[in-house]
């Protein structure tokens, strides 16, 4: 049994209590929340991939190679590179979260 403590606004808490007390299958409810998060991560990864592809085309290098060189200090701190590195880090984070949920 999982005992979760959530800090919610009173209105949100009441709505959630109503859902959970309505006889809904708690397992099915939890799975639907997890599935929703999986879909959101997949959508976010797709959008990140589109943005990363633009940088890869512009600079003619993969994001993996770019990030390795940027992290090692081979590339400078120009604005594009700062944004690109942030996108790579977001991609890694989202892919890790997705892997855990799937």
PDB file of N, CA and C in Angstrom:
ATOM      1  N   UNK A   1       0.851  -1.186   0.000  1.00  0.00           N
ATOM      2  CA  UNK A   1       0.000   0.000   0.000  1.00  0.00           C
ATOM      3  C   UNK A   1       0.884   1.231   0.000  1.00  0.00           C
ATOM      4  N   UNK A   2       0.571   2.147  -0.829  1.00  0.00           N
ATOM      5  CA  UNK A   2       1.321   3.388  -0.976  1.00  0.00           C
ATOM      6  C   UNK A   2       0.612   4.483  -0.221  1.00  0.00           C
ATOM      7  N   UNK A   3       1.351   5.175   0.626  1.00  0.00           N
ATOM      8  CA  UNK A   3       0.788   6.298   1.375  1.00  0.00           C
ATOM      9  C   UNK A   3       1.460   7.562   0.869  1.00  0.00           C
ATOM     10  N   UNK A   4       0.729   8.330   0.076  1.00  0.00           N
ATOM     11  CA  UNK A   4       1.285   9.527  -0.552  1.00  0.00           C
ATOM     12  C   UNK A   4       0.733  10.769   0.138  1.00  0.00           C
ATOM     13  N   UNK A   5       1.611  11.686   0.438  1.00  0.00           N
ATOM     14  CA  UNK A   5       1.216  12.985   0.983  1.00  0.00           C
ATOM     15  C   UNK A   5       1.367  14.017  -0.123  1.00  0.00           C
ATOM     16  N   UNK A   6       0.284  14.685  -0.454  1.00  0.00           N
ATOM     17  CA  UNK A   6       0.306  15.725  -1.472  1.00  0.00           C
ATOM     18  C   UNK A   6      -0.062  17.055  -0.852  1.00  0.00           C
ATOM     19  N   UNK A   7       0.572  18.088  -1.308  1.00  0.00           N
ATOM     20  CA  UNK A   7       0.225  19.430  -0.877  1.00  0.00           C
ATOM     21  C   UNK A   7      -0.588  20.065  -2.005  1.00  0.00           C
ATOM     22  N   UNK A   8      -1.901  20.145  -1.802  1.00  0.00           N
ATOM     23  CA  UNK A   8      -2.806  20.615  -2.848  1.00  0.00           C
ATOM     24  C   UNK A   8      -3.621  21.806  -2.369  1.00  0.00           C
ATOM     25  N   UNK A   9      -4.092  22.573  -3.319  1.00  0.00           N
ATOM     26  CA  UNK A   9      -5.044  23.625  -3.012  1.00  0.00           C
ATOM     27  C   UNK A   9      -6.338  22.955  -2.544  1.00  0.00           C
ATOM     28  N   UNK A  10      -7.074  23.581  -1.644  1.00  0.00           N
ATOM     29  CA  UNK A  10      -8.292  22.952  -1.109  1.00  0.00           C
ATOM     30  C   UNK A  10      -9.274  22.498  -2.196  1.00  0.00           C
ATOM     31  N   UNK A  11      -9.467  23.286  -3.220  1.00  0.00           N
ATOM     32  CA  UNK A  11     -10.401  22.927  -4.288  1.00  0.00           C
ATOM     33  C   UNK A  11      -9.917  21.676  -5.033  1.00  0.00           C
ATOM     34  N   UNK A  12      -8.628  21.623  -5.323  1.00  0.00           N
ATOM     35  CA  UNK A  12      -8.051  20.464  -6.001  1.00  0.00           C
ATOM     36  C   UNK A  12      -8.145  19.229  -5.112  1.00  0.00           C
ATOM     37  N   UNK A  13      -7.862  19.392  -3.844  1.00  0.00           N
ATOM     38  CA  UNK A  13      -7.939  18.274  -2.902  1.00  0.00           C
ATOM     39  C   UNK A  13      -9.349  17.704  -2.848  1.00  0.00           C
ATOM     40  N   UNK A  14     -10.340  18.579  -2.806  1.00  0.00           N
ATOM     41  CA  UNK A  14     -11.727  18.128  -2.740  1.00  0.00           C
ATOM     42  C   UNK A  14     -12.119  17.376  -4.008  1.00  0.00           C
ATOM     43  N   UNK A  15     -11.698  17.873  -5.160  1.00  0.00           N
ATOM     44  CA  UNK A  15     -12.009  17.198  -6.422  1.00  0.00           C
ATOM     45  C   UNK A  15     -11.361  15.821  -6.481  1.00  0.00           C
ATOM     46  N   UNK A  16     -10.117  15.728  -6.029  1.00  0.00           N
ATOM     47  CA  UNK A  16      -9.424  14.442  -6.033  1.00  0.00           C
ATOM     48  C   UNK A  16     -10.094  13.468  -5.070  1.00  0.00           C
ATOM     49  N   UNK A  17     -10.494  13.937  -3.900  1.00  0.00           N
ATOM     50  CA  UNK A  17     -11.196  13.078  -2.942  1.00  0.00           C
ATOM     51  C   UNK A  17     -12.500  12.577  -3.528  1.00  0.00           C
ATOM     52  N   UNK A  18     -13.195  13.440  -4.261  1.00  0.00           N
ATOM     53  CA  UNK A  18     -14.452  13.047  -4.899  1.00  0.00           C
ATOM     54  C   UNK A  18     -14.212  11.934  -5.910  1.00  0.00           C
ATOM     55  N   UNK A  19     -13.167  12.083  -6.719  1.00  0.00           N
ATOM     56  CA  UNK A  19     -12.844  11.054  -7.709  1.00  0.00           C
ATOM     57  C   UNK A  19     -12.528   9.732  -7.028  1.00  0.00           C
ATOM     58  N   UNK A  20     -11.662   9.784  -6.025  1.00  0.00           N
ATOM     59  CA  UNK A  20     -11.211   8.556  -5.368  1.00  0.00           C
ATOM     60  C   UNK A  20     -12.306   7.886  -4.538  1.00  0.00           C
ATOM     61  N   UNK A  21     -13.246   8.664  -4.041  1.00  0.00           N
ATOM     62  CA  UNK A  21     -14.315   8.076  -3.229  1.00  0.00           C
ATOM     63  C   UNK A  21     -15.516   7.650  -4.066  1.00  0.00           C
ATOM     64  N   UNK A  22     -15.461   7.864  -5.359  1.00  0.00           N
ATOM     65  CA  UNK A  22     -16.607   7.538  -6.221  1.00  0.00           C
ATOM     66  C   UNK A  22     -16.631   6.078  -6.642  1.00  0.00           C
ATOM     67  N   UNK A  23     -15.737   5.288  -6.093  1.00  0.00           N
ATOM     68  CA  UNK A  23     -15.718   3.874  -6.433  1.00  0.00           C
ATOM     69  C   UNK A  23     -14.817   3.550  -7.605  1.00  0.00           C
ATOM     70  N   UNK A  24     -14.062   4.528  -8.045  1.00  0.00           N
ATOM     71  CA  UNK A  24     -13.141   4.289  -9.153  1.00  0.00           C
ATOM     72  C   UNK A  24     -12.062   3.298  -8.715  1.00  0.00           C
ATOM     73  N   UNK A  25     -11.639   2.481  -9.614  1.00  0.00           N
ATOM     74  CA  UNK A  25     -10.565   1.531  -9.356  1.00  0.00           C
ATOM     75  C   UNK A  25      -9.269   2.334  -9.188  1.00  0.00           C
ATOM     76  N   UNK A  26      -8.705   2.327  -7.995  1.00  0.00           N
ATOM     77  CA  UNK A  26      -7.510   3.126  -7.711  1.00  0.00           C
ATOM     78  C   UNK A  26      -6.337   2.742  -8.601  1.00  0.00           C
ATOM     79  N   UNK A  27      -6.212   1.450  -8.896  1.00  0.00           N
ATOM     80  CA  UNK A  27      -5.123   1.004  -9.776  1.00  0.00           C
ATOM     81  C   UNK A  27      -5.295   1.606 -11.168  1.00  0.00           C
ATOM     82  N   UNK A  28      -6.504   1.549 -11.684  1.00  0.00           N
ATOM     83  CA  UNK A  28      -6.775   2.112 -13.005  1.00  0.00           C
ATOM     84  C   UNK A  28      -6.552   3.620 -13.013  1.00  0.00           C
ATOM     85  N   UNK A  29      -6.948   4.279 -11.935  1.00  0.00           N
ATOM     86  CA  UNK A  29      -6.739   5.724 -11.826  1.00  0.00           C
ATOM     87  C   UNK A  29      -5.245   6.041 -11.841  1.00  0.00           C
ATOM     88  N   UNK A  30      -4.460   5.312 -11.047  1.00  0.00           N
ATOM     89  CA  UNK A  30      -3.018   5.551 -10.986  1.00  0.00           C
ATOM     90  C   UNK A  30      -2.380   5.278 -12.343  1.00  0.00           C
ATOM     91  N   UNK A  31      -2.794   4.207 -13.004  1.00  0.00           N
ATOM     92  CA  UNK A  31      -2.247   3.892 -14.326  1.00  0.00           C
ATOM     93  C   UNK A  31      -2.583   4.982 -15.337  1.00  0.00           C
ATOM     94  N   UNK A  32      -3.764   5.563 -15.232  1.00  0.00           N
ATOM     95  CA  UNK A  32      -4.125   6.625 -16.170  1.00  0.00           C
ATOM     96  C   UNK A  32      -3.265   7.872 -15.936  1.00  0.00           C
ATOM     97  N   UNK A  33      -2.920   8.156 -14.701  1.00  0.00           N
ATOM     98  CA  UNK A  33      -2.033   9.274 -14.403  1.00  0.00           C
ATOM     99  C   UNK A  33      -0.640   9.000 -14.973  1.00  0.00           C
ATOM    100  N   UNK A  34      -0.153   7.788 -14.787  1.00  0.00           N
ATOM    101  CA  UNK A  34       1.158   7.401 -15.317  1.00  0.00           C
ATOM    102  C   UNK A  34       1.148   7.453 -16.839  1.00  0.00           C
ATOM    103  N   UNK A  35       0.102   6.921 -17.468  1.00  0.00           N
ATOM    104  CA  UNK A  35       0.001   6.947 -18.929  1.00  0.00           C
ATOM    105  C   UNK A  35      -0.041   8.368 -19.466  1.00  0.00           C
ATOM    106  N   UNK A  36      -0.734   9.239 -18.757  1.00  0.00           N
ATOM    107  CA  UNK A  36      -0.779  10.653 -19.155  1.00  0.00           C
ATOM    108  C   UNK A  36       0.629  11.247 -19.108  1.00  0.00           C
ATOM    109  N   UNK A  37       1.362  10.962 -18.049  1.00  0.00           N
ATOM    110  CA  UNK A  37       2.719  11.492 -17.920  1.00  0.00           C
ATOM    111  C   UNK A  37       3.617  10.938 -19.025  1.00  0.00           C
ATOM    112  N   UNK A  38       3.458   9.672 -19.358  1.00  0.00           N
ATOM    113  CA  UNK A  38       4.224   9.073 -20.455  1.00  0.00           C
ATOM    114  C   UNK A  38       3.937   9.808 -21.761  1.00  0.00           C
ATOM    115  N   UNK A  39       2.667  10.068 -22.028  1.00  0.00           N
ATOM    116  CA  UNK A  39       2.295  10.780 -23.256  1.00  0.00           C
ATOM    117  C   UNK A  39       2.881  12.185 -23.287  1.00  0.00           C
ATOM    118  N   UNK A  40       2.859  12.863 -22.151  1.00  0.00           N
ATOM    119  CA  UNK A  40       3.424  14.216 -22.080  1.00  0.00           C
ATOM    120  C   UNK A  40       4.931  14.191 -22.318  1.00  0.00           C
ATOM    121  N   UNK A  41       5.611  13.209 -21.733  1.00  0.00           N
ATOM    122  CA  UNK A  41       7.052  13.090 -21.948  1.00  0.00           C
ATOM    123  C   UNK A  41       7.354  12.785 -23.411  1.00  0.00           C
ATOM    124  N   UNK A  42       6.589  11.901 -24.020  1.00  0.00           N
ATOM    125  CA  UNK A  42       6.795  11.565 -25.430  1.00  0.00           C
ATOM    126  C   UNK A  42       6.582  12.799 -26.309  1.00  0.00           C
ATOM    127  N   UNK A  43       5.557  13.565 -26.008  1.00  0.00           N
ATOM    128  CA  UNK A  43       5.283  14.791 -26.766  1.00  0.00           C
ATOM    129  C   UNK A  43       6.428  15.794 -26.580  1.00  0.00           C
ATOM    130  N   UNK A  44       6.879  15.934 -25.347  1.00  0.00           N
ATOM    131  CA  UNK A  44       7.987  16.854 -25.071  1.00  0.00           C
ATOM    132  C   UNK A  44       9.266  16.428 -25.762  1.00  0.00           C
ATOM    133  N   UNK A  45       9.552  15.127 -25.763  1.00  0.00           N
ATOM    134  CA  UNK A  45      10.747  14.604 -26.431  1.00  0.00           C
ATOM    135  C   UNK A  45      10.679  14.867 -27.929  1.00  0.00           C
ATOM    136  N   UNK A  46       9.508  14.697 -28.511  1.00  0.00           N
ATOM    137  CA  UNK A  46       9.336  14.977 -29.935  1.00  0.00           C
ATOM    138  C   UNK A  46       9.639  16.444 -30.235  1.00  0.00           C
ATOM    139  N   UNK A  47       9.114  17.336 -29.420  1.00  0.00           N
ATOM    140  CA  UNK A  47       9.367  18.765 -29.617  1.00  0.00           C
ATOM    141  C   UNK A  47      10.840  19.109 -29.414  1.00  0.00           C
ATOM    142  N   UNK A  48      11.465  18.502 -28.412  1.00  0.00           N
ATOM    143  CA  UNK A  48      12.899  18.722 -28.204  1.00  0.00           C
ATOM    144  C   UNK A  48      13.706  18.208 -29.392  1.00  0.00           C
ATOM    145  N   UNK A  49      13.314  17.056 -29.925  1.00  0.00           N
ATOM    146  CA  UNK A  49      14.013  16.477 -31.072  1.00  0.00           C
ATOM    147  C   UNK A  49      13.968  17.435 -32.255  1.00  0.00           C
ATOM    148  N   UNK A  50      12.822  18.075 -32.470  1.00  0.00           N
ATOM    149  CA  UNK A  50      12.672  19.040 -33.566  1.00  0.00           C
ATOM    150  C   UNK A  50      13.622  20.210 -33.369  1.00  0.00           C
ATOM    151  N   UNK A  51      13.682  20.730 -32.143  1.00  0.00           N
ATOM    152  CA  UNK A  51      14.581  21.848 -31.852  1.00  0.00           C
ATOM    153  C   UNK A  51      16.045  21.437 -31.967  1.00  0.00           C
ATOM    154  N   UNK A  52      16.381  20.247 -31.485  1.00  0.00           N
ATOM    155  CA  UNK A  52      17.762  19.762 -31.582  1.00  0.00           C
ATOM    156  C   UNK A  52      18.165  19.565 -33.037  1.00  0.00           C
ATOM    157  N   UNK A  53      17.244  19.065 -33.855  1.00  0.00           N
ATOM    158  CA  UNK A  53      17.533  18.864 -35.277  1.00  0.00           C
ATOM    159  C   UNK A  53      17.917  20.181 -35.961  1.00  0.00           C
ATOM    160  N   UNK A  54      17.269  21.273 -35.563  1.00  0.00           N
ATOM    161  CA  UNK A  54      17.585  22.577 -36.148  1.00  0.00           C
ATOM    162  C   UNK A  54      19.029  22.974 -35.840  1.00  0.00           C
ATOM    163  N   UNK A  55      19.454  22.777 -34.583  1.00  0.00           N
ATOM    164  CA  UNK A  55      20.835  23.089 -34.223  1.00  0.00           C
ATOM    165  C   UNK A  55      21.810  22.155 -34.940  1.00  0.00           C
ATOM    166  N   UNK A  56      21.460  20.882 -35.042  1.00  0.00           N
ATOM    167  CA  UNK A  56      22.341  19.913 -35.704  1.00  0.00           C
ATOM    168  C   UNK A  56      22.546  20.278 -37.173  1.00  0.00           C
ATOM    169  N   UNK A  57      21.485  20.709 -37.830  1.00  0.00           N
ATOM    170  CA  UNK A  57      21.603  21.122 -39.228  1.00  0.00           C
ATOM    171  C   UNK A  57      22.417  22.405 -39.346  1.00  0.00           C
ATOM    172  N   UNK A  58      22.152  23.348 -38.471  1.00  0.00           N
ATOM    173  CA  UNK A  58      22.840  24.639 -38.512  1.00  0.00           C
ATOM    174  C   UNK A  58      24.340  24.482 -38.296  1.00  0.00           C
ATOM    175  N   UNK A  59      24.731  23.635 -37.358  1.00  0.00           N
ATOM    176  CA  UNK A  59      26.148  23.497 -37.005  1.00  0.00           C
ATOM    177  C   UNK A  59      26.788  22.214 -37.535  1.00  0.00           C
ATOM    178  N   UNK A  60      26.020  21.427 -38.289  1.00  0.00           N
ATOM    179  CA  UNK A  60      26.534  20.220 -38.934  1.00  0.00           C
ATOM    180  C   UNK A  60      27.246  19.280 -37.956  1.00  0.00           C
ATOM    181  N   UNK A  61      26.582  19.031 -36.807  1.00  0.00           N
ATOM    182  CA  UNK A  61      27.111  18.059 -35.852  1.00  0.00           C
ATOM    183  C   UNK A  61      25.967  17.528 -35.015  1.00  0.00           C
ATOM    184  N   UNK A  62      26.129  16.304 -34.539  1.00  0.00           N
ATOM    185  CA  UNK A  62      25.088  15.695 -33.710  1.00  0.00           C
ATOM    186  C   UNK A  62      25.041  16.388 -32.346  1.00  0.00           C
ATOM    187  N   UNK A  63      23.919  16.298 -31.712  1.00  0.00           N
ATOM    188  CA  UNK A  63      23.787  16.883 -30.376  1.00  0.00           C
ATOM    189  C   UNK A  63      24.705  16.192 -29.378  1.00  0.00           C
ATOM    190  N   UNK A  64      24.914  14.898 -29.556  1.00  0.00           N
ATOM    191  CA  UNK A  64      25.793  14.161 -28.650  1.00  0.00           C
ATOM    192  C   UNK A  64      27.233  14.676 -28.750  1.00  0.00           C
ATOM    193  N   UNK A  65      27.717  14.833 -29.989  1.00  0.00           N
ATOM    194  CA  UNK A  65      29.070  15.345 -30.196  1.00  0.00           C
ATOM    195  C   UNK A  65      29.171  16.781 -29.693  1.00  0.00           C
ATOM    196  N   UNK A  66      28.171  17.594 -30.027  1.00  0.00           N
ATOM    197  CA  UNK A  66      28.169  18.974 -29.549  1.00  0.00           C
ATOM    198  C   UNK A  66      28.272  19.017 -28.029  1.00  0.00           C
ATOM    199  N   UNK A  67      27.415  18.251 -27.353  1.00  0.00           N
ATOM    200  CA  UNK A  67      27.359  18.322 -25.891  1.00  0.00           C
ATOM    201  C   UNK A  67      28.678  17.870 -25.273  1.00  0.00           C
ATOM    202  N   UNK A  68      29.269  16.842 -25.840  1.00  0.00           N
ATOM    203  CA  UNK A  68      30.562  16.372 -25.331  1.00  0.00           C
ATOM    204  C   UNK A  68      31.615  17.476 -25.459  1.00  0.00           C
ATOM    205  N   UNK A  69      31.659  18.123 -26.624  1.00  0.00           N
ATOM    206  CA  UNK A  69      32.642  19.187 -26.845  1.00  0.00           C
ATOM    207  C   UNK A  69      32.335  20.417 -25.988  1.00  0.00           C
ATOM    208  N   UNK A  70      31.072  20.751 -25.872  1.00  0.00           N
ATOM    209  CA  UNK A  70      30.675  21.907 -25.063  1.00  0.00           C
ATOM    210  C   UNK A  70      31.017  21.668 -23.602  1.00  0.00           C
ATOM    211  N   UNK A  71      30.701  20.489 -23.114  1.00  0.00           N
ATOM    212  CA  UNK A  71      30.949  20.140 -21.710  1.00  0.00           C
ATOM    213  C   UNK A  71      32.448  20.151 -21.403  1.00  0.00           C
ATOM    214  N   UNK A  72      33.258  19.745 -22.360  1.00  0.00           N
ATOM    215  CA  UNK A  72      34.710  19.717 -22.167  1.00  0.00           C
ATOM    216  C   UNK A  72      35.353  21.084 -22.376  1.00  0.00           C
ATOM    217  N   UNK A  73      34.560  22.089 -22.743  1.00  0.00           N
ATOM    218  CA  UNK A  73      35.087  23.440 -22.910  1.00  0.00           C
ATOM    219  C   UNK A  73      35.727  23.699 -24.257  1.00  0.00           C
ATOM    220  N   UNK A  74      35.528  22.795 -25.207  1.00  0.00           N
ATOM    221  CA  UNK A  74      36.097  22.969 -26.536  1.00  0.00           C
ATOM    222  C   UNK A  74      35.348  24.064 -27.299  1.00  0.00           C
ATOM    223  N   UNK A  75      34.055  24.164 -27.051  1.00  0.00           N
ATOM    224  CA  UNK A  75      33.230  25.181 -27.710  1.00  0.00           C
ATOM    225  C   UNK A  75      33.006  26.345 -26.753  1.00  0.00           C
ATOM    226  N   UNK A  76      32.816  27.529 -27.328  1.00  0.00           N
ATOM    227  CA  UNK A  76      32.623  28.713 -26.482  1.00  0.00           C
ATOM    228  C   UNK A  76      31.198  28.784 -25.924  1.00  0.00           C
ATOM    229  N   UNK A  77      30.922  29.837 -25.192  1.00  0.00           N
ATOM    230  CA  UNK A  77      29.627  29.996 -24.523  1.00  0.00           C
ATOM    231  C   UNK A  77      28.677  30.921 -25.278  1.00  0.00           C
ATOM    232  N   UNK A  78      28.695  30.850 -26.593  1.00  0.00           N
ATOM    233  CA  UNK A  78      27.781  31.705 -27.349  1.00  0.00           C
ATOM    234  C   UNK A  78      26.335  31.307 -27.050  1.00  0.00           C
ATOM    235  N   UNK A  79      25.432  32.216 -27.296  1.00  0.00           N
ATOM    236  CA  UNK A  79      24.026  32.038 -26.908  1.00  0.00           C
ATOM    237  C   UNK A  79      23.429  30.757 -27.484  1.00  0.00           C
ATOM    238  N   UNK A  80      23.652  30.485 -28.757  1.00  0.00           N
ATOM    239  CA  UNK A  80      23.114  29.270 -29.371  1.00  0.00           C
ATOM    240  C   UNK A  80      23.585  28.022 -28.631  1.00  0.00           C
ATOM    241  N   UNK A  81      24.848  28.012 -28.246  1.00  0.00           N
ATOM    242  CA  UNK A  81      25.392  26.837 -27.573  1.00  0.00           C
ATOM    243  C   UNK A  81      24.817  26.664 -26.173  1.00  0.00           C
ATOM    244  N   UNK A  82      24.535  27.762 -25.519  1.00  0.00           N
ATOM    245  CA  UNK A  82      23.915  27.678 -24.193  1.00  0.00           C
ATOM    246  C   UNK A  82      22.510  27.080 -24.311  1.00  0.00           C
ATOM    247  N   UNK A  83      21.754  27.554 -25.290  1.00  0.00           N
ATOM    248  CA  UNK A  83      20.405  27.031 -25.511  1.00  0.00           C
ATOM    249  C   UNK A  83      20.476  25.561 -25.906  1.00  0.00           C
ATOM    250  N   UNK A  84      21.363  25.247 -26.829  1.00  0.00           N
ATOM    251  CA  UNK A  84      21.508  23.870 -27.320  1.00  0.00           C
ATOM    252  C   UNK A  84      21.863  22.930 -26.175  1.00  0.00           C
ATOM    253  N   UNK A  85      22.784  23.329 -25.324  1.00  0.00           N
ATOM    254  CA  UNK A  85      23.167  22.454 -24.201  1.00  0.00           C
ATOM    255  C   UNK A  85      21.990  22.253 -23.246  1.00  0.00           C
ATOM    256  N   UNK A  86      21.207  23.298 -23.035  1.00  0.00           N
ATOM    257  CA  UNK A  86      20.021  23.162 -22.187  1.00  0.00           C
ATOM    258  C   UNK A  86      19.017  22.188 -22.772  1.00  0.00           C
ATOM    259  N   UNK A  87      18.833  22.250 -24.086  1.00  0.00           N
ATOM    260  CA  UNK A  87      17.914  21.322 -24.751  1.00  0.00           C
ATOM    261  C   UNK A  87      18.406  19.878 -24.637  1.00  0.00           C
ATOM    262  N   UNK A  88      19.706  19.683 -24.783  1.00  0.00           N
ATOM    263  CA  UNK A  88      20.276  18.334 -24.650  1.00  0.00           C
ATOM    264  C   UNK A  88      20.034  17.811 -23.234  1.00  0.00           C
ATOM    265  N   UNK A  89      20.246  18.659 -22.237  1.00  0.00           N
ATOM    266  CA  UNK A  89      20.031  18.239 -20.848  1.00  0.00           C
ATOM    267  C   UNK A  89      18.563  17.925 -20.580  1.00  0.00           C
ATOM    268  N   UNK A  90      17.654  18.726 -21.141  1.00  0.00           N
ATOM    269  CA  UNK A  90      16.225  18.432 -21.005  1.00  0.00           C
ATOM    270  C   UNK A  90      15.878  17.108 -21.671  1.00  0.00           C
ATOM    271  N   UNK A  91      16.458  16.857 -22.833  1.00  0.00           N
ATOM    272  CA  UNK A  91      16.213  15.603 -23.536  1.00  0.00           C
ATOM    273  C   UNK A  91      16.674  14.423 -22.688  1.00  0.00           C
ATOM    274  N   UNK A  92      17.868  14.516 -22.112  1.00  0.00           N
ATOM    275  CA  UNK A  92      18.371  13.434 -21.263  1.00  0.00           C
ATOM    276  C   UNK A  92      17.458  13.207 -20.062  1.00  0.00           C
ATOM    277  N   UNK A  93      17.035  14.295 -19.446  1.00  0.00           N
ATOM    278  CA  UNK A  93      16.151  14.175 -18.274  1.00  0.00           C
ATOM    279  C   UNK A  93      14.833  13.512 -18.654  1.00  0.00           C
ATOM    280  N   UNK A  94      14.216  13.999 -19.729  1.00  0.00           N
ATOM    281  CA  UNK A  94      12.919  13.450 -20.142  1.00  0.00           C
ATOM    282  C   UNK A  94      13.031  11.991 -20.575  1.00  0.00           C
ATOM    283  N   UNK A  95      14.105  11.641 -21.279  1.00  0.00           N
ATOM    284  CA  UNK A  95      14.291  10.251 -21.696  1.00  0.00           C
ATOM    285  C   UNK A  95      14.492   9.346 -20.482  1.00  0.00           C
ATOM    286  N   UNK A  96      15.206   9.821 -19.484  1.00  0.00           N
ATOM    287  CA  UNK A  96      15.409   9.030 -18.261  1.00  0.00           C
ATOM    288  C   UNK A  96      14.091   8.811 -17.529  1.00  0.00           C
ATOM    289  N   UNK A  97      13.292   9.878 -17.412  1.00  0.00           N
ATOM    290  CA  UNK A  97      11.998   9.757 -16.753  1.00  0.00           C
ATOM    291  C   UNK A  97      11.095   8.803 -17.523  1.00  0.00           C
ATOM    292  N   UNK A  98      11.093   8.918 -18.836  1.00  0.00           N
ATOM    293  CA  UNK A  98      10.262   8.060 -19.666  1.00  0.00           C
ATOM    294  C   UNK A  98      10.665   6.601 -19.514  1.00  0.00           C
ATOM    295  N   UNK A  99      11.952   6.351 -19.485  1.00  0.00           N
ATOM    296  CA  UNK A  99      12.439   4.985 -19.334  1.00  0.00           C
ATOM    297  C   UNK A  99      11.955   4.383 -18.023  1.00  0.00           C
ATOM    298  N   UNK A 100      11.949   5.147 -16.958  1.00  0.00           N
ATOM    299  CA  UNK A 100      11.481   4.655 -15.658  1.00  0.00           C
ATOM    300  C   UNK A 100       9.983   4.348 -15.705  1.00  0.00           C
ATOM    301  N   UNK A 101       9.212   5.212 -16.360  1.00  0.00           N
ATOM    302  CA  UNK A 101       7.761   5.035 -16.387  1.00  0.00           C
ATOM    303  C   UNK A 101       7.297   3.931 -17.324  1.00  0.00           C
ATOM    304  N   UNK A 102       8.075   3.686 -18.358  1.00  0.00           N
ATOM    305  CA  UNK A 102       7.668   2.630 -19.303  1.00  0.00           C
ATOM    306  C   UNK A 102       8.118   1.317 -18.750  1.00  0.00           C
TER     307      UNK A 102
END
